[in-house]
Protein backbone atom coordinates (compact mmCIF):
# COMPACT_ATOMS: atom_id res chain seq x y z
CA MET A 1 55.39 18.65 26.00
CA SER A 2 58.52 20.83 25.89
CA PRO A 3 58.53 24.75 25.86
CA ALA A 4 60.15 24.68 22.76
CA ALA A 5 57.68 22.40 21.06
CA LEU A 6 55.08 24.79 22.42
CA GLY A 7 57.27 28.19 21.28
CA GLY A 8 56.53 27.15 17.51
CA ALA A 9 53.20 25.98 17.82
CA PRO A 10 49.83 28.29 17.28
CA ALA A 11 48.24 30.08 20.60
CA ARG A 12 45.66 28.10 20.37
CA ALA A 13 47.79 24.95 21.07
CA LEU A 14 48.66 25.84 24.42
CA ASP A 15 44.78 24.96 25.41
CA LEU A 16 45.98 21.47 24.77
CA VAL A 17 48.38 21.34 27.93
CA ARG A 18 46.83 21.98 31.39
CA PRO A 19 48.89 23.88 33.99
CA SER A 20 48.50 20.99 36.36
CA ASP A 21 49.76 18.68 33.72
CA ARG A 22 53.77 20.33 33.80
CA ALA A 23 56.41 19.25 35.95
CA GLY A 24 57.72 22.78 36.31
CA ALA A 25 56.75 26.23 35.20
CA TYR A 26 57.69 26.65 31.70
CA PHE A 27 56.51 30.36 31.35
CA ASP A 28 56.99 32.34 34.75
CA ARG A 29 57.65 35.26 33.07
CA VAL A 30 56.93 36.24 29.32
CA LEU A 31 58.82 39.12 28.03
CA VAL A 32 56.73 41.31 25.17
CA PRO A 33 58.85 43.73 23.13
CA ILE A 34 56.48 46.85 22.22
CA ASP A 35 56.68 48.81 19.32
CA PHE A 36 53.27 49.92 19.27
CA SER A 37 52.14 48.20 16.10
CA ALA A 38 49.20 45.78 15.60
CA SER A 39 51.56 43.21 15.21
CA SER A 40 53.09 44.31 18.79
CA ALA A 41 48.87 44.34 20.15
CA ALA A 42 48.64 40.91 18.78
CA ALA A 43 52.01 39.24 20.80
CA PHE A 44 50.29 41.16 23.78
CA ALA A 45 47.12 39.57 23.42
CA THR A 46 49.07 36.21 22.93
CA ALA A 47 51.14 36.71 25.95
CA ILE A 48 48.46 37.61 28.38
CA ARG A 49 46.80 34.46 27.00
CA ILE A 50 49.93 32.30 28.14
CA ALA A 51 50.14 34.27 31.38
CA ASP A 52 46.42 33.23 31.99
CA ARG A 53 47.22 29.93 31.78
CA TRP A 54 50.18 29.05 33.06
CA ARG A 55 50.10 31.71 35.71
CA SER A 56 53.10 33.73 34.45
CA GLU A 57 54.02 37.10 34.75
CA VAL A 58 54.46 39.46 31.81
CA VAL A 59 56.54 42.20 31.21
CA LEU A 60 55.90 44.73 28.53
CA PHE A 61 59.44 46.32 26.97
CA HIS A 62 59.87 49.21 24.83
CA ALA A 63 63.17 51.03 24.33
CA GLY A 64 62.52 54.85 22.53
CA GLY A 65 65.60 55.42 20.16
CA PRO A 66 66.49 58.55 19.24
CA ASP A 67 64.13 60.58 16.67
CA ALA A 68 64.95 64.18 14.68
CA ASN A 69 64.36 66.34 17.57
CA ASP A 70 66.28 64.69 19.89
CA GLU A 71 69.13 64.80 17.34
CA PHE A 72 68.16 68.49 16.97
CA LEU A 73 68.31 69.36 20.46
CA ASN A 74 71.63 67.71 20.87
CA SER A 75 73.32 69.92 18.24
CA LEU A 76 72.11 72.80 20.40
CA GLY A 77 73.77 71.38 23.32
CA GLY A 78 70.75 71.82 25.55
CA THR A 79 69.82 68.27 26.72
CA ARG A 80 70.83 64.72 27.14
CA TRP A 81 69.82 62.03 25.13
CA GLY A 82 68.78 59.68 27.67
CA ARG A 83 66.58 62.21 29.80
CA SER A 84 64.44 60.14 32.25
CA ASP A 85 61.30 62.04 31.44
CA VAL A 86 61.18 60.35 28.05
CA VAL A 87 61.67 57.28 29.79
CA ASP A 88 58.64 57.94 32.19
CA GLU A 89 56.56 59.08 28.87
CA ILE A 90 57.18 55.77 27.12
CA THR A 91 56.20 53.87 30.89
CA GLN A 92 53.21 55.69 30.46
CA HIS A 93 52.64 54.99 26.98
CA LEU A 94 52.75 50.90 27.71
CA GLN A 95 50.48 51.33 30.80
CA THR A 96 48.08 52.63 28.14
CA PHE A 97 48.64 50.74 25.51
CA ALA A 98 48.40 47.42 27.86
CA ASP A 99 44.88 48.57 29.09
CA ALA A 100 43.92 49.23 25.30
CA ILE A 101 44.67 46.01 23.97
CA VAL A 102 43.69 43.99 27.27
CA PRO A 103 41.35 46.29 29.90
CA ASP A 104 42.51 46.23 33.45
CA SER A 105 45.75 44.20 32.57
CA SER A 106 48.04 47.31 33.49
CA ASP A 107 47.67 46.05 37.32
CA ARG A 108 49.06 42.74 36.36
CA VAL A 109 51.81 43.66 33.81
CA HIS A 110 55.34 45.42 34.55
CA VAL A 111 57.08 47.72 32.31
CA ASP A 112 60.06 48.36 31.39
CA ALA A 113 61.05 51.09 29.24
CA THR A 114 64.49 52.39 27.98
CA ARG A 115 66.26 54.37 25.53
CA GLU A 116 68.18 52.65 23.07
CA ASP A 117 68.87 53.07 19.56
CA ASP A 118 69.61 49.19 18.63
CA PRO A 119 66.40 47.43 19.08
CA VAL A 120 68.37 44.02 19.26
CA ARG A 121 70.54 45.50 21.85
CA ALA A 122 67.72 46.83 23.35
CA VAL A 123 65.69 43.29 23.78
CA ALA A 124 69.00 41.38 24.67
CA GLY A 125 69.71 43.69 28.00
CA ALA A 126 65.89 43.20 28.85
CA CYS A 127 66.30 39.79 28.74
CA ALA A 128 69.49 40.27 30.73
CA ARG A 129 67.34 42.34 33.27
CA HIS A 130 64.02 40.20 33.41
CA GLN A 131 65.25 36.58 33.05
CA PRO A 132 62.40 35.43 30.93
CA SER A 133 61.91 31.86 30.06
CA LEU A 134 59.62 32.96 26.72
CA VAL A 135 59.92 35.98 24.38
CA VAL A 136 56.59 36.75 22.46
CA LEU A 137 57.75 38.93 19.34
CA GLY A 138 55.22 40.72 17.18
CA ILE A 139 56.38 40.78 13.50
CA HIS A 140 55.08 42.50 10.41
CA GLY A 141 53.07 41.15 7.80
CA ARG A 142 55.48 43.09 5.06
CA ARG A 143 58.01 40.68 6.38
CA ARG A 144 56.10 37.83 6.80
CA ARG A 145 58.68 36.28 4.06
CA ARG A 146 61.54 37.89 4.63
CA PHE A 147 62.18 36.87 8.21
CA PHE A 148 65.72 36.33 7.48
CA ARG A 149 68.01 39.88 8.33
CA SER A 150 64.86 40.97 9.81
CA THR A 151 64.74 42.67 13.22
CA ALA A 152 63.06 39.68 14.94
CA GLU A 153 65.43 36.95 13.03
CA ARG A 154 68.51 38.98 14.62
CA ILE A 155 66.68 39.05 18.07
CA THR A 156 65.75 35.37 17.79
CA ARG A 157 69.62 34.48 17.53
CA ALA A 158 70.83 37.25 19.57
CA ILE A 159 69.12 35.84 23.15
CA ASP A 160 68.91 32.76 24.62
CA VAL A 161 65.64 32.90 25.30
CA PRO A 162 62.69 30.42 23.63
CA VAL A 163 60.71 32.92 20.84
CA LEU A 164 57.30 32.67 19.80
CA LEU A 165 56.50 34.93 16.70
CA VAL A 166 53.18 36.76 16.20
CA SER A 167 52.17 38.08 13.21
């Protein structure tokens, strides 16, 4: 069974293939972009199941964009938009998120945080840095029927990595 065939299958279909049956490591590194939503939690839980099954490494990724507070502070000239303390805070939130969804998982999950205002460019950059063999992406239920022109569709088109969409 090819990784592309598994990428489009429901998560429980992964139980049909045993790691000893595989010729190579299909999913050696799984990237999970997180926006801290319920769909992100489902994507992370799915990625952990894949990692347990295939002995994969999981990378949680979040790109924090600018908010109104950043714009206000930048207009005063007092701070820079890409402060490292914000990235450190995002990293802490990712570790807390991992432990909240799957207890005691933060020690076996790598986290990557950055500041980027475009989620598509951010995920493409994370793929370039981590070279994942699979991206597990949570999609929001409100957009389930409107995949086209969604952020998920733009990410899927922008990267050369199989994407598993989880709602």
